Amino acid sequence: MALNYVKDGDVLDYQNGGTAIAAGAVVLVGKRIGVALSAIAANAIGPLGMVGVWNISKASADVVAQGDLLYWDNTNGRLTTSASGNTLAGFADAAAGNGATTVNIKINA
């Protein structure tokens, strides 16, 4: 094995700031999102899932087709189909129509 291998990167250790994070919450990490695998206390280190398909809240008026790009709206704490001012998060694993409040997303790795 190569001597410079560190880890697979599916889970990253995240240094939290001054506000606790609930398990399952989306966390913006630079230009990527991760999902808290457990609750992370304020000013503590905790695990973020950085790959996989997750069921996450979305803007209920958005109509999402399978494969559509989804963006993280950090202000409102949800996914949206609108790129403007938001962070590319991944793509829809399944469709989610108008009125649906969640969508399955394959998050960017």
C-alpha atoms as a PDB file:
ATOM      1  CA  MET A   1       0.000   0.000   0.000  1.00  0.00           C
ATOM      2  CA  ALA A   2       1.113   3.537  -0.689  1.00  0.00           C
ATOM      3  CA  LEU A   3       2.610   5.206   2.346  1.00  0.00           C
ATOM      4  CA  ASN A   4       0.710   8.462   1.779  1.00  0.00           C
ATOM      5  CA  TYR A   5      -2.811   6.917   2.047  1.00  0.00           C
ATOM      6  CA  VAL A   6      -4.815   8.543   4.856  1.00  0.00           C
ATOM      7  CA  LYS A   7      -8.420   7.195   4.746  1.00  0.00           C
ATOM      8  CA  ASP A   8     -11.322   6.531   2.372  1.00  0.00           C
ATOM      9  CA  GLY A   9     -13.003   9.900   3.057  1.00  0.00           C
ATOM     10  CA  ASP A  10     -16.601   8.666   3.384  1.00  0.00           C
ATOM     11  CA  VAL A  11     -16.620  10.124   6.901  1.00  0.00           C
ATOM     12  CA  LEU A  12     -14.770  13.276   7.913  1.00  0.00           C
ATOM     13  CA  ASP A  13     -14.003  14.568  11.390  1.00  0.00           C
ATOM     14  CA  TYR A  14     -15.651  17.970  11.659  1.00  0.00           C
ATOM     15  CA  GLN A  15     -14.560  20.643  14.132  1.00  0.00           C
ATOM     16  CA  ASN A  16     -17.819  22.256  15.215  1.00  0.00           C
ATOM     17  CA  GLY A  17     -18.112  25.888  16.247  1.00  0.00           C
ATOM     18  CA  GLY A  18     -20.209  27.372  19.027  1.00  0.00           C
ATOM     19  CA  THR A  19     -23.612  25.829  18.202  1.00  0.00           C
ATOM     20  CA  ALA A  20     -24.574  22.180  18.730  1.00  0.00           C
ATOM     21  CA  ILE A  21     -25.478  20.153  15.622  1.00  0.00           C
ATOM     22  CA  ALA A  22     -28.214  17.495  15.709  1.00  0.00           C
ATOM     23  CA  ALA A  23     -27.700  14.039  14.242  1.00  0.00           C
ATOM     24  CA  GLY A  24     -28.929  14.047  10.644  1.00  0.00           C
ATOM     25  CA  ALA A  25     -28.413  17.797  10.172  1.00  0.00           C
ATOM     26  CA  VAL A  26     -26.771  19.067   7.003  1.00  0.00           C
ATOM     27  CA  VAL A  27     -23.470  20.870   7.560  1.00  0.00           C
ATOM     28  CA  LEU A  28     -21.900  23.144   4.972  1.00  0.00           C
ATOM     29  CA  VAL A  29     -18.179  22.372   4.697  1.00  0.00           C
ATOM     30  CA  GLY A  30     -16.652  24.874   2.316  1.00  0.00           C
ATOM     31  CA  LYS A  31     -18.243  24.099  -1.064  1.00  0.00           C
ATOM     32  CA  ARG A  32     -19.614  20.690   0.009  1.00  0.00           C
ATOM     33  CA  ILE A  33     -22.255  19.372   2.353  1.00  0.00           C
ATOM     34  CA  GLY A  34     -22.015  16.588   4.878  1.00  0.00           C
ATOM     35  CA  VAL A  35     -24.560  14.998   7.182  1.00  0.00           C
ATOM     36  CA  ALA A  36     -23.925  14.763  10.928  1.00  0.00           C
ATOM     37  CA  LEU A  37     -23.802  11.048  11.743  1.00  0.00           C
ATOM     38  CA  SER A  38     -24.360  11.772  15.421  1.00  0.00           C
ATOM     39  CA  ALA A  39     -25.035  14.848  17.519  1.00  0.00           C
ATOM     40  CA  ILE A  40     -21.990  17.132  17.667  1.00  0.00           C
ATOM     41  CA  ALA A  41     -21.715  19.334  20.730  1.00  0.00           C
ATOM     42  CA  ALA A  42     -20.620  22.955  20.478  1.00  0.00           C
ATOM     43  CA  ASN A  43     -16.841  23.268  20.055  1.00  0.00           C
ATOM     44  CA  ALA A  44     -16.468  19.480  19.681  1.00  0.00           C
ATOM     45  CA  ILE A  45     -15.307  17.203  16.865  1.00  0.00           C
ATOM     46  CA  GLY A  46     -17.836  14.829  15.316  1.00  0.00           C
ATOM     47  CA  PRO A  47     -18.379  12.657  12.228  1.00  0.00           C
ATOM     48  CA  LEU A  48     -19.915  13.881   8.977  1.00  0.00           C
ATOM     49  CA  GLY A  49     -21.069  11.513   6.236  1.00  0.00           C
ATOM     50  CA  MET A  50     -19.711  12.909   2.983  1.00  0.00           C
ATOM     51  CA  VAL A  51     -21.089  10.389   0.464  1.00  0.00           C
ATOM     52  CA  GLY A  52     -24.242   8.397  -0.080  1.00  0.00           C
ATOM     53  CA  VAL A  53     -27.949   9.013  -0.606  1.00  0.00           C
ATOM     54  CA  TRP A  54     -29.776  10.963   2.114  1.00  0.00           C
ATOM     55  CA  ASN A  55     -33.354  12.103   2.637  1.00  0.00           C
ATOM     56  CA  ILE A  56     -33.123  15.863   3.267  1.00  0.00           C
ATOM     57  CA  SER A  57     -35.628  18.718   3.469  1.00  0.00           C
ATOM     58  CA  LYS A  58     -36.325  20.687   0.297  1.00  0.00           C
ATOM     59  CA  ALA A  59     -38.242  23.772  -0.744  1.00  0.00           C
ATOM     60  CA  SER A  60     -41.776  22.376  -0.946  1.00  0.00           C
ATOM     61  CA  ALA A  61     -42.684  24.301  -4.125  1.00  0.00           C
ATOM     62  CA  ASP A  62     -39.719  22.896  -6.080  1.00  0.00           C
ATOM     63  CA  VAL A  63     -40.521  20.148  -8.573  1.00  0.00           C
ATOM     64  CA  VAL A  64     -37.551  17.781  -8.704  1.00  0.00           C
ATOM     65  CA  ALA A  65     -36.977  15.094 -11.330  1.00  0.00           C
ATOM     66  CA  GLN A  66     -34.584  12.196 -10.822  1.00  0.00           C
ATOM     67  CA  GLY A  67     -31.094  13.402 -11.726  1.00  0.00           C
ATOM     68  CA  ASP A  68     -31.813  17.118 -11.237  1.00  0.00           C
ATOM     69  CA  LEU A  69     -29.017  19.104  -9.613  1.00  0.00           C
ATOM     70  CA  LEU A  70     -29.824  20.217  -6.076  1.00  0.00           C
ATOM     71  CA  TYR A  71     -28.339  23.116  -4.131  1.00  0.00           C
ATOM     72  CA  TRP A  72     -28.037  23.729  -0.392  1.00  0.00           C
ATOM     73  CA  ASP A  73     -29.805  26.904   0.732  1.00  0.00           C
ATOM     74  CA  ASN A  74     -27.879  27.546   3.954  1.00  0.00           C
ATOM     75  CA  THR A  75     -30.090  30.517   4.886  1.00  0.00           C
ATOM     76  CA  ASN A  76     -33.287  28.432   4.920  1.00  0.00           C
ATOM     77  CA  GLY A  77     -31.681  25.089   5.796  1.00  0.00           C
ATOM     78  CA  ARG A  78     -33.021  23.102   2.851  1.00  0.00           C
ATOM     79  CA  LEU A  79     -32.311  21.888  -0.653  1.00  0.00           C
ATOM     80  CA  THR A  80     -33.543  23.753  -3.701  1.00  0.00           C
ATOM     81  CA  THR A  81     -33.313  23.584  -7.473  1.00  0.00           C
ATOM     82  CA  SER A  82     -32.156  27.233  -7.503  1.00  0.00           C
ATOM     83  CA  ALA A  83     -28.414  27.686  -7.974  1.00  0.00           C
ATOM     84  CA  SER A  84     -28.448  31.422  -7.248  1.00  0.00           C
ATOM     85  CA  GLY A  85     -26.615  32.127  -3.981  1.00  0.00           C
ATOM     86  CA  ASN A  86     -26.607  28.453  -2.989  1.00  0.00           C
ATOM     87  CA  THR A  87     -24.036  25.617  -2.859  1.00  0.00           C
ATOM     88  CA  LEU A  88     -24.175  22.647  -5.247  1.00  0.00           C
ATOM     89  CA  ALA A  89     -25.017  19.680  -3.024  1.00  0.00           C
ATOM     90  CA  GLY A  90     -25.575  16.785  -5.431  1.00  0.00           C
ATOM     91  CA  PHE A  91     -28.371  15.349  -7.543  1.00  0.00           C
ATOM     92  CA  ALA A  92     -31.818  13.875  -6.949  1.00  0.00           C
ATOM     93  CA  ASP A  93     -31.873  10.115  -6.470  1.00  0.00           C
ATOM     94  CA  ALA A  94     -35.653  10.153  -6.990  1.00  0.00           C
ATOM     95  CA  ALA A  95     -38.333  12.596  -8.050  1.00  0.00           C
ATOM     96  CA  ALA A  96     -40.049  14.827  -5.473  1.00  0.00           C
ATOM     97  CA  GLY A  97     -42.979  16.932  -6.598  1.00  0.00           C
ATOM     98  CA  ASN A  98     -44.608  20.175  -5.545  1.00  0.00           C
ATOM     99  CA  GLY A  99     -45.713  19.860  -1.925  1.00  0.00           C
ATOM    100  CA  ALA A 100     -43.066  17.280  -1.001  1.00  0.00           C
ATOM    101  CA  THR A 101     -40.928  18.570   1.846  1.00  0.00           C
ATOM    102  CA  THR A 102     -38.013  16.141   1.422  1.00  0.00           C
ATOM    103  CA  VAL A 103     -36.008  14.650  -1.423  1.00  0.00           C
ATOM    104  CA  ASN A 104     -33.489  11.819  -1.693  1.00  0.00           C
ATOM    105  CA  ILE A 105     -30.155  13.300  -2.750  1.00  0.00           C
ATOM    106  CA  LYS A 106     -26.870  11.686  -3.760  1.00  0.00           C
ATOM    107  CA  ILE A 107     -24.525  14.151  -2.120  1.00  0.00           C
ATOM    108  CA  ASN A 108     -21.376  15.295  -3.888  1.00  0.00           C
ATOM    109  CA  ALA A 109     -18.211  13.585  -2.868  1.00  0.00           C
END
